[in-house]
Amino acid sequence: MTIARTICLGFVAVITVGTLLLILPFSTVDGHWNNPIIALFTSTSAVCVTGLTVVDTGTYFSFWGQLIITLLIQVGGLGYMTTTTFLMLLIGRRFDLRQKLAIQDSFDRPFRQVSSRMMISSIISMTLLFEITGVIFLFIFFKDRYELPYSLWLSIFHSVSAWNNAGFGLFKDNLMSVQGSLIINFTITILIIFGGLGYQAILEIYMWIIHKIKNKQERVVLSLNFKVVTSTTLFLLIFGTVIFLLVEYNNPETLASMSLKDKLLGAWFQSVTTRTAGFNTIDNGKMTIAGLLLTMGLMFIGASPSGTGGGIKTTTVRILSNCTRSVLRGNDQVILYQREVPVPLILKAVSVVFGSTILVISISFFISFIEVSINPDVFEVSFNSLQVLFEVISAFGTVGLSTGITASLSPISQILLVLTMYTGRVGVLLLMAAIVGDARPRVVQYPEESLLVG
């Protein structure tokens, strides 16, 4: 059992338990046994914090079913290793070096100077702080519109879903009915942004604030990871907002009928939610082709390492973009904020993008082939290949945005989306490492030779 296999099988175990619980009659509103495919798809989507659904969560599942989904989202957002370690700390059990390495590996080793116990405690405390704050602000909005118990439950469910970048909603139209609310827009987007930034970046922000409050003279040295993650995230948020506003401004199906304030809110929310969140305040199925392509690009990039989102990650994109810049300038080093990026890290970034691209293209091909083979007339009338690609990228990036075709897909295609969500959550390289096993050191040094590229 390698570390990669421990993490991957841990997610499988949580998905399996969630599926069995969601099959039981008490999980559905009508009190009947649930369809196994629906239970598996929903459990995977919750654990992988995706948000894609084949049924309406608010009307199909009972309170107990919704509670199970909330717990699965929380476990999936924190990560299998974080959750199990936290439970071990609660019962006072010690864990060995192997498990400590597995914890750090599940976060891509961002906390080298921090003990595992302190790291887990910080992550849990941070999660509760943000989620409780989100509940308070959302409750301010919901309390005047629904009865107290239900408004409180709506606040809890959507706060947990937003912080973990899950995108599950209890309304049929997700958040389209409240698209003009400032409280909803800013509470949900702030939870999404900080949840996607990653725990390491948030801890550095906290330490910087404490340093400023105490008015210490020594200079705070922020890590390269923090600088890359925050600057790339800020650029993508601003870029996405501006472009969404331009391409959807005159679209009568999305932003055209809104006031200028609501248009800005809609463009901002769409830019944020594409970063693996999955909530929507406009109908994604009625967006322009340019809007859909922009959404797919942002979904494919996703969130940041050690965050609750998926995708190839902001750091990967930044490394490759600077790699291209170095080639164009004739440099043989990749520099980020006056720091040289190690060659193994560049190779890892290339592998992530290549593996992710192959996965998305392959799954899209197979789903299109399956749907055309089963019923070609329905495929051409109900949806097209662009919508299939949109769903696959959404599943891989653990985003959850949909053009509305997920429930219309055949069970085989839905199973393929389940595998895509799972791969997107654990990571392409980690899954391949779990299948292949630990890499063996190379004992033979081969001669170097050049070849034509580009």
Protein backbone atom coordinates (compact mmCIF):
# COMPACT_ATOMS: atom_id res chain seq x y z
CA MET A 1 0.00 0.00 0.00
CA THR A 2 1.78 3.07 -1.26
CA ILE A 3 0.80 6.56 -0.11
CA ALA A 4 -0.92 7.22 -3.45
CA ARG A 5 -2.97 4.03 -3.14
CA THR A 6 -3.92 4.88 0.44
CA ILE A 7 -5.34 8.25 -0.63
CA CYS A 8 -7.09 6.93 -3.76
CA LEU A 9 -8.66 3.95 -1.99
CA GLY A 10 -9.67 6.22 0.88
CA PHE A 11 -11.77 8.32 -1.50
CA VAL A 12 -13.25 5.15 -2.99
CA ALA A 13 -14.23 3.98 0.50
CA VAL A 14 -15.94 7.29 1.33
CA ILE A 15 -17.79 7.29 -2.01
CA THR A 16 -18.93 3.70 -1.41
CA VAL A 17 -20.26 4.48 2.08
CA GLY A 18 -22.03 7.57 0.74
CA THR A 19 -23.59 5.56 -2.08
CA LEU A 20 -24.93 2.92 0.31
CA LEU A 21 -26.42 5.59 2.59
CA LEU A 22 -28.06 7.45 -0.30
CA ILE A 23 -29.62 4.22 -1.60
CA LEU A 24 -31.56 3.72 1.64
CA PRO A 25 -35.25 4.81 1.68
CA PHE A 26 -34.80 7.49 4.36
CA SER A 27 -32.56 9.44 1.97
CA THR A 28 -35.31 10.17 -0.56
CA VAL A 29 -38.43 12.30 -0.22
CA ASP A 30 -40.81 9.55 -1.39
CA GLY A 31 -39.31 7.01 1.06
CA HIS A 32 -38.45 4.47 -1.65
CA TRP A 33 -35.13 2.77 -2.34
CA ASN A 34 -32.97 5.05 -4.43
CA ASN A 35 -31.66 4.24 -7.91
CA PRO A 36 -28.06 2.93 -7.44
CA ILE A 37 -26.78 5.01 -10.38
CA ILE A 38 -28.30 8.19 -8.91
CA ALA A 39 -26.86 7.35 -5.48
CA LEU A 40 -23.39 6.61 -6.91
CA PHE A 41 -23.36 9.73 -9.08
CA THR A 42 -24.51 11.99 -6.24
CA SER A 43 -22.09 10.48 -3.73
CA THR A 44 -19.15 10.83 -6.12
CA SER A 45 -20.14 14.38 -7.00
CA ALA A 46 -20.34 15.28 -3.30
CA VAL A 47 -17.09 13.61 -2.21
CA CYS A 48 -15.26 15.02 -5.24
CA VAL A 49 -16.87 18.43 -4.45
CA THR A 50 -18.11 18.71 -8.02
CA GLY A 51 -21.81 19.57 -7.88
CA LEU A 52 -22.98 17.82 -11.05
CA THR A 53 -26.37 16.20 -10.41
CA VAL A 54 -28.79 13.93 -12.24
CA VAL A 55 -31.72 14.86 -9.95
CA ASP A 56 -32.81 18.01 -8.14
CA THR A 57 -31.12 17.85 -4.74
CA GLY A 58 -33.67 20.00 -2.93
CA THR A 59 -36.77 18.06 -3.99
CA TYR A 60 -35.44 14.54 -4.58
CA PHE A 61 -33.53 13.98 -1.35
CA SER A 62 -35.03 14.20 2.14
CA PHE A 63 -33.44 16.18 4.96
CA TRP A 64 -31.40 13.11 5.92
CA GLY A 65 -30.27 12.65 2.34
CA GLN A 66 -29.25 16.31 2.17
CA LEU A 67 -27.42 15.94 5.49
CA ILE A 68 -25.49 12.95 4.13
CA ILE A 69 -24.57 14.97 1.03
CA THR A 70 -23.36 17.83 3.27
CA LEU A 71 -21.15 15.48 5.28
CA LEU A 72 -19.76 13.94 2.08
CA ILE A 73 -18.97 17.42 0.76
CA GLN A 74 -17.18 18.27 4.00
CA VAL A 75 -15.11 15.08 3.93
CA GLY A 76 -14.34 15.54 0.25
CA GLY A 77 -13.33 19.17 0.70
CA LEU A 78 -11.04 18.48 3.62
CA GLY A 79 -9.63 15.39 1.97
CA TYR A 80 -9.66 11.78 3.10
CA MET A 81 -6.33 11.93 4.94
CA THR A 82 -7.21 15.17 6.76
CA THR A 83 -10.56 13.80 7.93
CA THR A 84 -9.26 10.46 9.15
CA THR A 85 -6.32 12.10 10.92
CA PHE A 86 -8.65 14.57 12.63
CA LEU A 87 -10.80 11.69 13.88
CA MET A 88 -7.69 9.94 15.16
CA LEU A 89 -6.68 13.09 17.04
CA LEU A 90 -10.14 13.29 18.62
CA ILE A 91 -9.89 9.77 20.04
CA GLY A 92 -6.30 10.38 21.15
CA ARG A 93 -4.66 7.89 18.80
CA ARG A 94 -1.11 8.51 17.59
CA PHE A 95 -0.16 8.15 13.94
CA ASP A 96 3.14 7.04 12.50
CA LEU A 97 5.58 8.58 10.03
CA ARG A 98 3.91 6.87 7.08
CA GLN A 99 0.60 8.57 7.78
CA LYS A 100 2.33 11.92 8.31
CA LEU A 101 3.89 11.59 4.86
CA ALA A 102 0.50 10.64 3.41
CA ILE A 103 -1.07 13.77 4.91
CA GLN A 104 1.59 16.02 3.40
CA ASP A 105 1.38 14.18 0.07
CA SER A 106 -2.38 14.72 -0.08
CA PHE A 107 -1.67 18.48 0.11
CA ASP A 108 1.24 18.23 -2.33
CA ARG A 109 3.63 18.79 0.63
CA PRO A 110 2.96 22.50 1.25
CA PHE A 111 3.67 22.43 5.02
CA ARG A 112 7.21 21.19 5.42
CA GLN A 113 7.99 23.24 8.53
CA VAL A 114 4.72 22.50 10.36
CA SER A 115 3.88 19.37 12.34
CA SER A 116 1.02 17.23 11.04
CA ARG A 117 -0.96 17.71 14.26
CA MET A 118 -0.67 21.51 14.07
CA MET A 119 -1.46 21.45 10.35
CA ILE A 120 -4.67 19.43 10.79
CA SER A 121 -5.80 21.60 13.72
CA SER A 122 -5.22 24.76 11.68
CA ILE A 123 -7.10 23.40 8.68
CA ILE A 124 -10.12 22.31 10.75
CA SER A 125 -10.22 25.62 12.65
CA MET A 126 -9.94 27.61 9.45
CA THR A 127 -12.70 25.60 7.80
CA LEU A 128 -15.08 26.07 10.71
CA LEU A 129 -14.31 29.79 10.92
CA PHE A 130 -15.12 30.46 7.28
CA GLU A 131 -18.16 28.17 7.19
CA ILE A 132 -19.71 29.61 10.35
CA THR A 133 -19.12 33.14 9.07
CA GLY A 134 -20.80 32.14 5.81
CA VAL A 135 -23.76 30.68 7.71
CA ILE A 136 -24.26 33.95 9.62
CA PHE A 137 -24.33 36.13 6.50
CA LEU A 138 -26.51 33.72 4.52
CA PHE A 139 -28.92 33.43 7.44
CA ILE A 140 -29.36 37.21 7.40
CA PHE A 141 -30.69 36.82 3.84
CA PHE A 142 -32.76 33.64 4.25
CA LYS A 143 -34.39 34.39 7.64
CA ASP A 144 -36.85 36.90 6.16
CA ARG A 145 -37.89 34.56 3.37
CA TYR A 146 -38.28 31.17 5.03
CA GLU A 147 -39.15 29.73 8.42
CA LEU A 148 -36.36 29.65 11.01
CA PRO A 149 -35.37 25.94 10.86
CA TYR A 150 -35.38 25.82 7.05
CA SER A 151 -33.57 29.15 6.64
CA LEU A 152 -30.87 27.93 9.05
CA TRP A 153 -30.51 24.68 7.11
CA LEU A 154 -30.28 26.58 3.80
CA SER A 155 -27.52 28.73 5.28
CA ILE A 156 -25.55 25.73 6.58
CA PHE A 157 -25.90 23.69 3.39
CA HIS A 158 -24.91 26.49 1.00
CA SER A 159 -22.06 27.73 3.22
CA VAL A 160 -20.49 24.25 3.38
CA SER A 161 -21.07 23.78 -0.34
CA ALA A 162 -19.52 27.15 -1.21
CA TRP A 163 -16.42 26.86 1.02
CA ASN A 164 -15.69 23.40 -0.34
CA ASN A 165 -16.29 24.60 -3.92
CA ALA A 166 -18.98 21.93 -4.35
CA GLY A 167 -21.76 23.91 -6.03
CA PHE A 168 -24.65 21.85 -4.66
CA GLY A 169 -27.78 23.96 -4.18
CA LEU A 170 -31.22 23.27 -2.73
CA PHE A 171 -33.09 25.44 -5.25
CA LYS A 172 -34.21 24.13 -8.64
CA ASP A 173 -32.49 26.99 -10.43
CA ASN A 174 -29.45 26.89 -8.13
CA LEU A 175 -28.99 30.61 -7.28
CA MET A 176 -30.61 32.19 -10.34
CA SER A 177 -33.63 33.37 -8.32
CA VAL A 178 -31.37 35.42 -6.01
CA GLN A 179 -28.95 36.70 -8.66
CA GLY A 180 -29.47 40.34 -7.63
CA SER A 181 -28.72 39.88 -3.93
CA LEU A 182 -25.47 41.51 -2.78
CA ILE A 183 -25.33 39.32 0.34
CA ILE A 184 -25.65 36.09 -1.64
CA ASN A 185 -23.24 37.15 -4.38
CA PHE A 186 -20.44 38.35 -2.12
CA THR A 187 -20.83 35.74 0.65
CA ILE A 188 -20.81 32.83 -1.78
CA THR A 189 -17.99 34.24 -3.93
CA ILE A 190 -15.74 35.06 -0.95
CA LEU A 191 -16.19 31.52 0.39
CA ILE A 192 -15.42 30.11 -3.06
CA ILE A 193 -12.30 32.26 -3.53
CA PHE A 194 -10.76 31.51 -0.14
CA GLY A 195 -11.74 27.84 -0.34
CA GLY A 196 -9.99 27.61 -3.70
CA LEU A 197 -6.89 29.56 -2.65
CA GLY A 198 -5.57 26.75 -0.50
CA TYR A 199 -4.84 26.43 3.19
CA GLN A 200 -1.20 27.43 2.89
CA ALA A 201 -2.04 30.75 1.20
CA ILE A 202 -4.71 31.56 3.81
CA LEU A 203 -2.31 30.76 6.66
CA GLU A 204 0.25 33.13 5.18
CA ILE A 205 -2.39 35.86 4.91
CA TYR A 206 -3.25 35.28 8.57
CA MET A 207 0.38 35.43 9.66
CA TRP A 208 0.90 38.64 7.65
CA ILE A 209 -2.14 40.27 9.29
CA ILE A 210 -0.96 39.25 12.78
CA HIS A 211 2.49 40.63 11.96
CA LYS A 212 1.00 43.98 10.93
CA ILE A 213 -1.26 44.16 13.99
CA LYS A 214 1.69 43.57 16.32
CA ASN A 215 3.63 46.17 14.33
CA LYS A 216 6.77 44.08 14.14
CA GLN A 217 9.76 45.65 12.40
CA GLU A 218 11.15 42.61 10.64
CA ARG A 219 9.99 42.04 7.07
CA VAL A 220 7.52 39.25 6.32
CA VAL A 221 8.85 36.90 3.63
CA LEU A 222 5.95 35.43 1.67
CA SER A 223 6.48 32.12 -0.08
CA LEU A 224 6.71 31.74 -3.85
CA ASN A 225 3.58 29.58 -3.73
CA PHE A 226 1.63 32.42 -2.09
CA LYS A 227 2.78 35.01 -4.63
CA VAL A 228 1.97 32.79 -7.61
CA VAL A 229 -1.39 31.59 -6.27
CA THR A 230 -2.73 35.02 -5.26
CA SER A 231 -1.52 36.94 -8.32
CA THR A 232 -2.76 34.29 -10.77
CA THR A 233 -6.11 34.01 -9.01
CA LEU A 234 -6.58 37.79 -9.01
CA PHE A 235 -5.72 38.01 -12.71
CA LEU A 236 -8.11 35.21 -13.66
CA LEU A 237 -10.95 36.71 -11.61
CA ILE A 238 -10.59 40.16 -13.19
CA PHE A 239 -9.99 38.76 -16.67
CA GLY A 240 -13.00 36.44 -16.41
CA THR A 241 -15.31 39.18 -15.15
CA VAL A 242 -14.40 41.59 -17.96
CA ILE A 243 -14.66 39.00 -20.75
CA PHE A 244 -17.92 37.50 -19.44
CA LEU A 245 -19.40 40.98 -19.30
CA LEU A 246 -18.35 41.64 -22.91
CA VAL A 247 -19.49 38.36 -24.48
CA GLU A 248 -22.77 38.06 -22.55
CA TYR A 249 -23.72 41.75 -22.26
CA ASN A 250 -26.23 41.66 -25.14
CA ASN A 251 -27.30 38.02 -24.74
CA PRO A 252 -31.06 38.18 -23.98
CA GLU A 253 -30.90 34.73 -22.35
CA THR A 254 -28.31 35.73 -19.72
CA LEU A 255 -27.29 39.34 -18.96
CA ALA A 256 -29.07 41.56 -21.50
CA SER A 257 -32.29 42.00 -19.51
CA MET A 258 -30.51 42.85 -16.23
CA SER A 259 -29.64 46.24 -14.80
CA LEU A 260 -26.00 47.36 -14.96
CA LYS A 261 -25.49 46.40 -11.30
CA ASP A 262 -26.89 42.90 -11.88
CA LYS A 263 -24.83 42.52 -15.06
CA LEU A 264 -21.66 43.28 -13.11
CA LEU A 265 -22.71 40.91 -10.34
CA GLY A 266 -23.56 38.20 -12.87
CA ALA A 267 -20.23 38.53 -14.70
CA TRP A 268 -18.31 38.58 -11.41
CA PHE A 269 -20.16 35.55 -10.05
CA GLN A 270 -19.65 33.60 -13.28
CA SER A 271 -15.93 34.38 -13.23
CA VAL A 272 -15.62 33.16 -9.64
CA THR A 273 -17.83 30.08 -9.92
CA THR A 274 -15.97 28.68 -12.92
CA ARG A 275 -12.99 28.25 -10.60
CA THR A 276 -14.36 24.81 -9.55
CA ALA A 277 -17.36 26.10 -7.56
CA GLY A 278 -20.40 25.11 -9.65
CA PHE A 279 -23.00 27.60 -8.43
CA ASN A 280 -24.72 29.64 -11.12
CA THR A 281 -26.81 32.80 -11.26
CA ILE A 282 -27.34 32.61 -15.04
CA ASP A 283 -28.39 29.72 -17.29
CA ASN A 284 -25.17 28.14 -18.57
CA GLY A 285 -27.05 26.26 -21.28
CA LYS A 286 -28.10 29.57 -22.88
CA MET A 287 -24.70 31.25 -22.92
CA THR A 288 -23.03 32.28 -26.15
CA ILE A 289 -20.42 30.01 -27.72
CA ALA A 290 -17.72 32.47 -26.62
CA GLY A 291 -19.07 32.36 -23.06
CA LEU A 292 -19.08 28.57 -23.04
CA LEU A 293 -15.51 28.40 -24.36
CA LEU A 294 -14.30 30.90 -21.76
CA THR A 295 -16.07 28.94 -19.03
CA MET A 296 -14.43 25.70 -20.16
CA GLY A 297 -11.01 27.33 -20.15
CA LEU A 298 -11.40 28.68 -16.62
CA MET A 299 -12.87 25.37 -15.40
CA PHE A 300 -9.91 23.46 -16.83
CA ILE A 301 -7.47 25.73 -14.94
CA GLY A 302 -9.41 25.37 -11.68
CA ALA A 303 -8.31 26.33 -8.19
CA SER A 304 -4.96 26.32 -6.38
CA PRO A 305 -2.95 23.50 -4.75
CA SER A 306 -4.12 22.38 -1.27
CA GLY A 307 -7.46 24.14 -1.88
CA THR A 308 -10.87 22.51 -2.09
CA GLY A 309 -11.14 22.77 -5.87
CA GLY A 310 -9.90 20.76 -8.84
CA GLY A 311 -8.48 21.48 -12.29
CA ILE A 312 -4.86 21.56 -13.37
CA LYS A 313 -4.30 24.35 -10.78
CA THR A 314 -3.18 27.96 -11.04
CA THR A 315 0.46 27.16 -10.26
CA THR A 316 0.65 24.73 -13.19
CA VAL A 317 -0.61 27.35 -15.62
CA ARG A 318 1.76 29.97 -14.25
CA ILE A 319 4.78 27.67 -14.51
CA LEU A 320 4.00 26.74 -18.12
CA SER A 321 3.24 30.33 -19.14
CA ASN A 322 6.59 31.47 -17.71
CA CYS A 323 8.25 28.49 -19.37
CA THR A 324 6.91 29.72 -22.73
CA ARG A 325 8.09 33.23 -21.91
CA SER A 326 11.60 31.95 -21.15
CA VAL A 327 11.75 30.09 -24.47
CA LEU A 328 10.64 33.17 -26.42
CA ARG A 329 13.35 35.23 -24.68
CA GLY A 330 16.01 32.60 -25.33
CA ASN A 331 16.48 31.70 -21.66
CA ASP A 332 17.07 28.19 -20.41
CA GLN A 333 15.70 28.91 -16.92
CA VAL A 334 12.15 29.49 -15.73
CA ILE A 335 12.05 32.41 -13.27
CA LEU A 336 9.15 33.34 -10.99
CA TYR A 337 9.53 36.32 -8.65
CA GLN A 338 13.34 36.10 -8.78
CA ARG A 339 13.26 32.38 -8.01
CA GLU A 340 14.27 29.62 -10.41
CA VAL A 341 11.68 26.87 -10.85
CA PRO A 342 13.25 23.37 -10.53
CA VAL A 343 13.21 21.22 -13.67
CA PRO A 344 11.32 18.34 -11.93
CA LEU A 345 8.52 20.80 -11.13
CA ILE A 346 8.33 21.87 -14.78
CA LEU A 347 8.15 18.22 -15.85
CA LYS A 348 5.37 17.65 -13.34
CA ALA A 349 3.42 20.63 -14.69
CA VAL A 350 3.78 19.36 -18.26
CA SER A 351 2.65 15.88 -17.17
CA VAL A 352 -0.41 17.28 -15.40
CA VAL A 353 -1.55 19.26 -18.44
CA PHE A 354 -0.82 16.44 -20.89
CA GLY A 355 -2.53 13.77 -18.79
CA SER A 356 -5.53 15.99 -18.06
CA THR A 357 -5.97 16.90 -21.74
CA ILE A 358 -5.82 13.27 -22.83
CA LEU A 359 -8.36 12.32 -20.15
CA VAL A 360 -10.84 15.07 -21.11
CA ILE A 361 -10.59 14.36 -24.84
CA SER A 362 -10.90 10.58 -24.34
CA ILE A 363 -13.94 10.77 -22.04
CA SER A 364 -15.64 13.30 -24.33
CA PHE A 365 -15.05 11.02 -27.31
CA PHE A 366 -16.42 7.94 -25.58
CA ILE A 367 -19.52 9.72 -24.24
CA SER A 368 -20.28 11.21 -27.66
CA PHE A 369 -19.75 7.82 -29.31
CA ILE A 370 -21.98 6.07 -26.76
CA GLU A 371 -24.80 8.60 -27.00
CA VAL A 372 -24.75 8.59 -30.82
CA SER A 373 -24.74 4.78 -30.87
CA ILE A 374 -27.66 4.48 -28.46
CA ASN A 375 -29.93 7.12 -29.97
CA PRO A 376 -28.48 9.38 -32.69
CA ASP A 377 -31.70 11.37 -33.15
CA VAL A 378 -31.86 12.31 -29.47
CA PHE A 379 -28.18 13.25 -29.44
CA GLU A 380 -28.53 15.75 -32.26
CA VAL A 381 -31.77 17.24 -30.91
CA SER A 382 -31.11 17.31 -27.14
CA PHE A 383 -27.39 18.16 -27.02
CA ASN A 384 -24.21 18.30 -29.05
CA SER A 385 -20.51 17.51 -28.72
CA LEU A 386 -19.66 20.97 -27.35
CA GLN A 387 -22.08 20.43 -24.47
CA VAL A 388 -20.56 16.99 -23.84
CA LEU A 389 -17.09 18.53 -23.70
CA PHE A 390 -18.45 21.17 -21.31
CA GLU A 391 -19.82 18.49 -18.95
CA VAL A 392 -16.58 16.47 -19.04
CA ILE A 393 -14.39 19.50 -18.28
CA SER A 394 -16.80 20.47 -15.50
CA ALA A 395 -16.52 16.96 -14.06
CA PHE A 396 -12.73 16.87 -14.34
CA GLY A 397 -12.31 20.33 -12.81
CA THR A 398 -14.78 19.31 -10.06
CA VAL A 399 -16.75 22.43 -10.97
CA GLY A 400 -20.34 21.25 -11.35
CA LEU A 401 -21.51 23.78 -13.91
CA SER A 402 -23.78 22.18 -16.49
CA THR A 403 -25.59 23.03 -19.68
CA GLY A 404 -28.43 20.83 -18.45
CA ILE A 405 -27.65 17.56 -20.22
CA THR A 406 -26.28 15.47 -17.33
CA ALA A 407 -29.63 13.88 -16.44
CA SER A 408 -30.28 13.08 -20.14
CA LEU A 409 -27.10 11.04 -20.55
CA SER A 410 -27.23 7.26 -20.54
CA PRO A 411 -26.15 5.36 -17.40
CA ILE A 412 -22.89 4.34 -19.10
CA SER A 413 -22.04 7.96 -19.86
CA GLN A 414 -22.91 8.93 -16.28
CA ILE A 415 -20.51 6.27 -15.01
CA LEU A 416 -17.80 7.76 -17.22
CA LEU A 417 -18.50 11.15 -15.63
CA VAL A 418 -18.20 9.49 -12.21
CA LEU A 419 -14.71 8.25 -13.15
CA THR A 420 -13.83 11.71 -14.47
CA MET A 421 -14.93 13.42 -11.24
CA TYR A 422 -12.93 10.92 -9.19
CA THR A 423 -9.80 11.42 -11.31
CA GLY A 424 -10.17 15.19 -11.13
CA ARG A 425 -10.41 15.11 -7.33
CA VAL A 426 -7.48 12.81 -6.54
CA GLY A 427 -5.37 14.12 -9.42
CA VAL A 428 -4.18 12.50 -12.64
CA LEU A 429 -0.60 11.93 -11.47
CA LEU A 430 -1.64 10.60 -8.05
CA LEU A 431 -4.07 8.14 -9.65
CA MET A 432 -1.43 6.94 -12.11
CA ALA A 433 1.07 6.57 -9.25
CA ALA A 434 -1.49 4.48 -7.39
CA ILE A 435 -1.97 2.22 -10.41
CA VAL A 436 1.68 1.93 -11.46
CA GLY A 437 3.28 2.03 -8.01
CA ASP A 438 6.23 3.98 -6.64
CA ALA A 439 8.79 5.13 -9.19
CA ARG A 440 12.09 3.27 -9.23
CA PRO A 441 15.37 5.17 -9.37
CA ARG A 442 17.11 5.07 -12.74
CA VAL A 443 20.41 3.19 -12.70
CA VAL A 444 21.43 3.86 -16.31
CA GLN A 445 22.43 7.32 -17.58
CA TYR A 446 21.64 7.72 -21.30
CA PRO A 447 23.46 10.05 -23.69
CA GLU A 448 21.75 13.34 -24.57
CA GLU A 449 20.59 14.11 -28.13
CA SER A 450 18.56 16.96 -29.59
CA LEU A 451 15.51 16.78 -31.87
CA LEU A 452 13.17 19.17 -33.65
CA VAL A 453 10.31 20.63 -31.61
CA GLY A 454 7.55 22.99 -32.75
